[in-house]
């Protein structure tokens, strides 16, 4: 009897999970998946808080997700997980998948480094009371060339000390010491593996956008479009002023070339005539 009760509870839990996933699929137009490998529970918790009211993050078994998809009659969503063989998490949102990816990238969180990871910032151990009692750990400070002093039975860092530059690998010894000092040095976040939006499966690579590059390309395209429009005399709010200035400049040059005696160009016509007369005089004198 107890085993039957336990089995019933498990079955109910699975049914509830499938129903909740189905409800999220129904209410959100964008569904993304990310791998859980290497992600810590506290990291997911922090990102979940940052995305509150924007997206829902759920960790669920792939088998239950597939059942929810089948229940909703959206079997195409199975493509999100069919070739993933590690535990995954799901993100449900009504925000564009591309905007969601940008938001996730912007909301990465500083975490404690593991040995072998590379620092995402310049790592500085600040002048402070570590709260640690003197002992064998003093040799670790010494090996890492961090100056210390003993006051009040605690180890104090004597001055701010750079222990690793951005991009440098964190050694096991340094990783251990930074963890004890609660100094975080690596940026961690959720990386979307795939997303599904408007019936289209989008890979994580295709979701990655270099915003600065795109911005530069848009500015360059806009500038080229205005130049072409001005050259063609295509009048728009953005080009009318430049077109008028260009027309005025060309009209002035033509008037000077034709020696039209208008008040706007008469001084330039006279100057041009004087220069031509001077050159002609020089040529005549050189022939004598």
Foldseek 3Di string as FASTA:
>chain_A
DVVVVVVVVVVVVLVVVLVVLLVLPVVFQKKFKFACPPPDPVQVVVVCVVCPVFKHKAFDDLVSNCVSCVVNVNNVCNVRPPPPDHGMMMIGGNDPLLVVQVVQVVPWDFDQDAAFDFFQAFDKDAFFFQQAADDPCVVLCVVLVFDWDDDPRTITGHGIDGRHHGGDGQHNSNSVVCVSSVHTTDTDTTQTQWMAHPNDIGGSVNSDDPVVVVVVVVVVVVVVVLVVCLVVVPDDPVNPVVNVVVVVVVVQVVCLVVVPCDPVNNVVVVVVVVVVVVVVVVVVVVVD
